[in-house]
Amino acid sequence: MLLHQDQIRLTRRECQVLQKLTGADPSGITNRQQLQRWTETHLTSLPDDDPAVAAIKAILRQHLPI
C-alpha cells in the first residue's frame, strides 16, 4: 500500500487478497475516505464466515490506515 497524505494506492496483490476475502474489488480506492467506507462495508464479519476469515477481517480492520 502506498500512502501520501490522503491518497492511497493498493498494490495488485493487496487488491487480489482483499477481493478473495470479500468478493468485492477494492482497486478503485484512491483515498482514506474511500478505504474507510469500503472497510465498513466489506470487512464486517458475517455469521457464516469461516473463523479464520473472520479473524483476518478483524486484523485488517484494526491495521488499515483509516
C-alpha atoms as a PDB file:
ATOM      1  CA  MET A   1       0.000   0.000   0.000  1.00  0.00           C
ATOM      2  CA  LEU A   2       1.329   3.374  -0.974  1.00  0.00           C
ATOM      3  CA  LEU A   3       0.300   6.365   1.126  1.00  0.00           C
ATOM      4  CA  HIS A   4       0.774  10.053   0.502  1.00  0.00           C
ATOM      5  CA  GLN A   5      -1.237  12.396   2.704  1.00  0.00           C
ATOM      6  CA  ASP A   6      -4.864  11.440   1.914  1.00  0.00           C
ATOM      7  CA  GLN A   7      -4.049   9.436  -1.218  1.00  0.00           C
ATOM      8  CA  ILE A   8      -3.896   5.628  -1.157  1.00  0.00           C
ATOM      9  CA  ARG A   9      -2.821   3.142  -3.788  1.00  0.00           C
ATOM     10  CA  LEU A  10      -3.274  -0.563  -3.153  1.00  0.00           C
ATOM     11  CA  THR A  11      -0.832  -2.957  -4.783  1.00  0.00           C
ATOM     12  CA  ARG A  12      -2.148  -5.547  -7.208  1.00  0.00           C
ATOM     13  CA  ARG A  13      -1.501  -8.307  -4.649  1.00  0.00           C
ATOM     14  CA  GLU A  14      -3.372  -6.406  -1.907  1.00  0.00           C
ATOM     15  CA  CYS A  15      -6.336  -5.984  -4.245  1.00  0.00           C
ATOM     16  CA  GLN A  16      -6.303  -9.694  -5.068  1.00  0.00           C
ATOM     17  CA  VAL A  17      -6.203 -10.758  -1.411  1.00  0.00           C
ATOM     18  CA  LEU A  18      -8.930  -8.333  -0.346  1.00  0.00           C
ATOM     19  CA  GLN A  19     -11.126  -9.370  -3.258  1.00  0.00           C
ATOM     20  CA  LYS A  20     -10.649 -13.044  -2.421  1.00  0.00           C
ATOM     21  CA  LEU A  21     -11.641 -12.395   1.212  1.00  0.00           C
ATOM     22  CA  THR A  22     -14.639 -10.203   0.493  1.00  0.00           C
ATOM     23  CA  GLY A  23     -15.746 -10.804  -3.078  1.00  0.00           C
ATOM     24  CA  ALA A  24     -15.545  -7.045  -3.720  1.00  0.00           C
ATOM     25  CA  ASP A  25     -12.893  -5.366  -5.868  1.00  0.00           C
ATOM     26  CA  PRO A  26     -11.037  -2.644  -3.915  1.00  0.00           C
ATOM     27  CA  SER A  27      -8.931  -1.453  -6.869  1.00  0.00           C
ATOM     28  CA  GLY A  28     -10.900   1.802  -7.195  1.00  0.00           C
ATOM     29  CA  ILE A  29      -9.860   3.038  -3.752  1.00  0.00           C
ATOM     30  CA  THR A  30      -7.818   6.225  -4.047  1.00  0.00           C
ATOM     31  CA  ASN A  31      -8.164   7.971  -0.665  1.00  0.00           C
ATOM     32  CA  ARG A  32      -8.655   7.266   3.042  1.00  0.00           C
ATOM     33  CA  GLN A  33     -12.382   8.052   2.990  1.00  0.00           C
ATOM     34  CA  GLN A  34     -12.999   5.506   0.260  1.00  0.00           C
ATOM     35  CA  LEU A  35     -10.908   2.952   2.158  1.00  0.00           C
ATOM     36  CA  GLN A  36     -12.900   3.599   5.318  1.00  0.00           C
ATOM     37  CA  ARG A  37     -16.242   3.170   3.522  1.00  0.00           C
ATOM     38  CA  TRP A  38     -15.022   0.038   1.756  1.00  0.00           C
ATOM     39  CA  THR A  39     -13.746  -1.387   5.057  1.00  0.00           C
ATOM     40  CA  GLU A  40     -17.028  -0.711   6.857  1.00  0.00           C
ATOM     41  CA  THR A  41     -18.962  -2.335   4.031  1.00  0.00           C
ATOM     42  CA  HIS A  42     -16.815  -5.323   3.150  1.00  0.00           C
ATOM     43  CA  LEU A  43     -14.688  -6.204   6.167  1.00  0.00           C
ATOM     44  CA  THR A  44     -17.554  -6.694   8.585  1.00  0.00           C
ATOM     45  CA  SER A  45     -17.555 -10.264   9.847  1.00  0.00           C
ATOM     46  CA  LEU A  46     -20.607 -12.210   8.788  1.00  0.00           C
ATOM     47  CA  PRO A  47     -22.199 -15.028  10.822  1.00  0.00           C
ATOM     48  CA  ASP A  48     -21.400 -17.592   8.119  1.00  0.00           C
ATOM     49  CA  ASP A  49     -17.727 -16.546   7.775  1.00  0.00           C
ATOM     50  CA  ASP A  50     -15.128 -19.171   8.493  1.00  0.00           C
ATOM     51  CA  PRO A  51     -13.438 -18.348  11.853  1.00  0.00           C
ATOM     52  CA  ALA A  52     -10.106 -17.812  10.086  1.00  0.00           C
ATOM     53  CA  VAL A  53     -11.664 -15.357   7.616  1.00  0.00           C
ATOM     54  CA  ALA A  54     -13.403 -13.507  10.455  1.00  0.00           C
ATOM     55  CA  ALA A  55     -10.065 -13.216  12.292  1.00  0.00           C
ATOM     56  CA  ILE A  56      -8.284 -11.922   9.176  1.00  0.00           C
ATOM     57  CA  LYS A  57     -11.031  -9.338   8.605  1.00  0.00           C
ATOM     58  CA  ALA A  58     -10.697  -8.166  12.228  1.00  0.00           C
ATOM     59  CA  ILE A  59      -6.930  -7.816  11.882  1.00  0.00           C
ATOM     60  CA  LEU A  60      -7.273  -5.877   8.619  1.00  0.00           C
ATOM     61  CA  ARG A  61      -9.879  -3.519  10.107  1.00  0.00           C
ATOM     62  CA  GLN A  62      -7.554  -2.835  13.019  1.00  0.00           C
ATOM     63  CA  HIS A  63      -4.431  -2.164  10.950  1.00  0.00           C
ATOM     64  CA  LEU A  64      -5.629  -0.380   7.805  1.00  0.00           C
ATOM     65  CA  PRO A  65      -4.618   3.298   7.774  1.00  0.00           C
ATOM     66  CA  ILE A  66      -8.054   4.873   8.063  1.00  0.00           C
END
